[in-house]
Structure formats: C-alpha cells, structure tokens
Amino acid sequence: MIQQNELITMLIGSGVAIYVLINHSRLSRIPSFKVLLISYLFLFAGWVLTVAEGFFLGSLLNFIEHLCYATGSILAAMWCWRVFMRAGEPR
C-alpha cells in the first residue's frame, strides 16, 4: 500500500534531482560536492524504494531502502565533517 506522503516525497526528490542535473556545473563548486551528491542519490534511492515496495518484494525492498537511508546519512555526516571540521583548526 502506497501512502500519499511517500509518493509526494519521491516526486519532490525527483524535482531536486532534475535541478541538480541541470545545474551540476555550478553545484560542483561546493566543497566535496561528490560526497554530497552521492549522499543525496542514496537518499533518493530510498524514497524510490519506499514507493516500489508497495508494489512488489516488500520485505526485500524495505531492507534495501533502510540500507540506502543509513548510507546516505553516513555520507552526509562525512560531508559535514569534511566541510566544517578543518584539520588542525579548533572549533
């Protein structure tokens, strides 16, 4: 069963993905952009899997969805660490 909020989240995420594709050259100036982009892609995959699990392979896709969320979150934290915690600089 698909919930409306899951579908809306996936649609909004699709819009952001299109924006990132269109503006990739400008966004690539962000420090460690590749890590941030991969983090977003994992989160986006989780949103897509949330909707897909309503149609088929519910348990398997749910497991993969949560792996995607965990991986995306770890990568987002790693991006924050790289950008905001400079080596040797006290904060």
Protein backbone atom coordinates (compact mmCIF):
# COMPACT_ATOMS: atom_id res chain seq x y z
CA MET A 1 0.00 0.00 0.00
CA ILE A 2 1.44 3.33 -1.04
CA GLN A 3 0.98 6.31 1.24
CA GLN A 4 0.48 9.76 -0.24
CA ASN A 5 3.33 11.33 1.73
CA GLU A 6 5.78 8.74 0.35
CA LEU A 7 4.74 9.48 -3.22
CA ILE A 8 4.96 13.25 -2.67
CA THR A 9 8.42 12.89 -1.12
CA MET A 10 9.59 10.90 -4.15
CA LEU A 11 8.13 13.49 -6.55
CA ILE A 12 9.80 16.39 -4.73
CA GLY A 13 13.06 14.41 -4.65
CA SER A 14 12.74 13.88 -8.41
CA GLY A 15 12.43 17.63 -8.90
CA VAL A 16 15.57 18.20 -6.85
CA ALA A 17 17.40 15.53 -8.85
CA ILE A 18 16.45 17.28 -12.09
CA TYR A 19 17.63 20.60 -10.65
CA VAL A 20 20.97 19.04 -9.68
CA LEU A 21 21.41 17.59 -13.19
CA ILE A 22 20.66 20.93 -14.84
CA ASN A 23 22.93 22.93 -12.50
CA HIS A 24 25.68 20.35 -12.00
CA SER A 25 28.47 22.64 -13.21
CA ARG A 26 27.57 25.39 -10.73
CA LEU A 27 26.90 23.00 -7.86
CA SER A 28 30.23 21.23 -8.40
CA ARG A 29 31.95 24.28 -6.88
CA ILE A 30 30.62 23.23 -3.47
CA PRO A 31 33.46 21.70 -1.41
CA SER A 32 33.40 17.87 -1.55
CA PHE A 33 30.38 18.02 -3.84
CA LYS A 34 30.78 14.41 -4.98
CA VAL A 35 30.26 13.12 -1.44
CA LEU A 36 27.19 15.33 -1.04
CA LEU A 37 25.79 14.22 -4.40
CA ILE A 38 26.29 10.52 -3.66
CA SER A 39 24.64 11.04 -0.28
CA TYR A 40 21.61 12.58 -1.99
CA LEU A 41 21.45 9.78 -4.54
CA PHE A 42 21.32 7.18 -1.77
CA LEU A 43 18.54 9.10 -0.03
CA PHE A 44 16.67 9.47 -3.32
CA ALA A 45 17.03 5.73 -3.95
CA GLY A 46 15.49 5.15 -0.52
CA TRP A 47 12.49 7.32 -1.45
CA VAL A 48 12.02 5.42 -4.72
CA LEU A 49 12.30 2.08 -2.94
CA THR A 50 9.70 3.19 -0.40
CA VAL A 51 7.18 3.59 -3.21
CA ALA A 52 8.31 0.45 -5.07
CA GLU A 53 7.91 -1.77 -2.01
CA GLY A 54 4.18 -1.09 -2.18
CA PHE A 55 4.04 -2.97 -5.48
CA PHE A 56 6.42 -5.92 -5.15
CA LEU A 57 9.13 -7.55 -3.00
CA GLY A 58 8.01 -5.59 0.06
CA SER A 59 10.39 -7.05 2.67
CA LEU A 60 13.49 -7.06 0.46
CA LEU A 61 12.95 -3.53 -0.85
CA ASN A 62 12.23 -2.30 2.68
CA PHE A 63 15.58 -3.70 3.83
CA ILE A 64 17.45 -2.12 0.89
CA GLU A 65 15.58 1.15 1.47
CA HIS A 66 16.84 1.35 5.04
CA LEU A 67 20.37 0.49 3.92
CA CYS A 68 20.16 3.40 1.47
CA TYR A 69 18.95 5.75 4.22
CA ALA A 70 21.79 4.66 6.52
CA THR A 71 24.43 5.01 3.79
CA GLY A 72 23.11 8.40 2.69
CA SER A 73 23.08 9.66 6.27
CA ILE A 74 26.63 8.49 6.92
CA LEU A 75 27.82 10.17 3.72
CA ALA A 76 26.01 13.40 4.64
CA ALA A 77 27.72 13.35 8.04
CA MET A 78 31.05 12.70 6.31
CA TRP A 79 30.42 15.70 4.02
CA CYS A 80 29.65 17.90 7.04
CA TRP A 81 32.83 16.70 8.71
CA ARG A 82 34.94 17.46 5.63
CA VAL A 83 33.44 20.90 5.07
CA PHE A 84 33.06 22.21 8.61
CA MET A 85 35.87 20.49 10.51
CA ARG A 86 39.18 21.53 9.02
CA ALA A 87 42.22 19.54 10.08
CA GLY A 88 44.17 21.38 12.77
CA GLU A 89 41.59 24.12 13.22
CA PRO A 90 39.97 24.26 16.66
CA ARG A 91 36.23 24.87 16.62
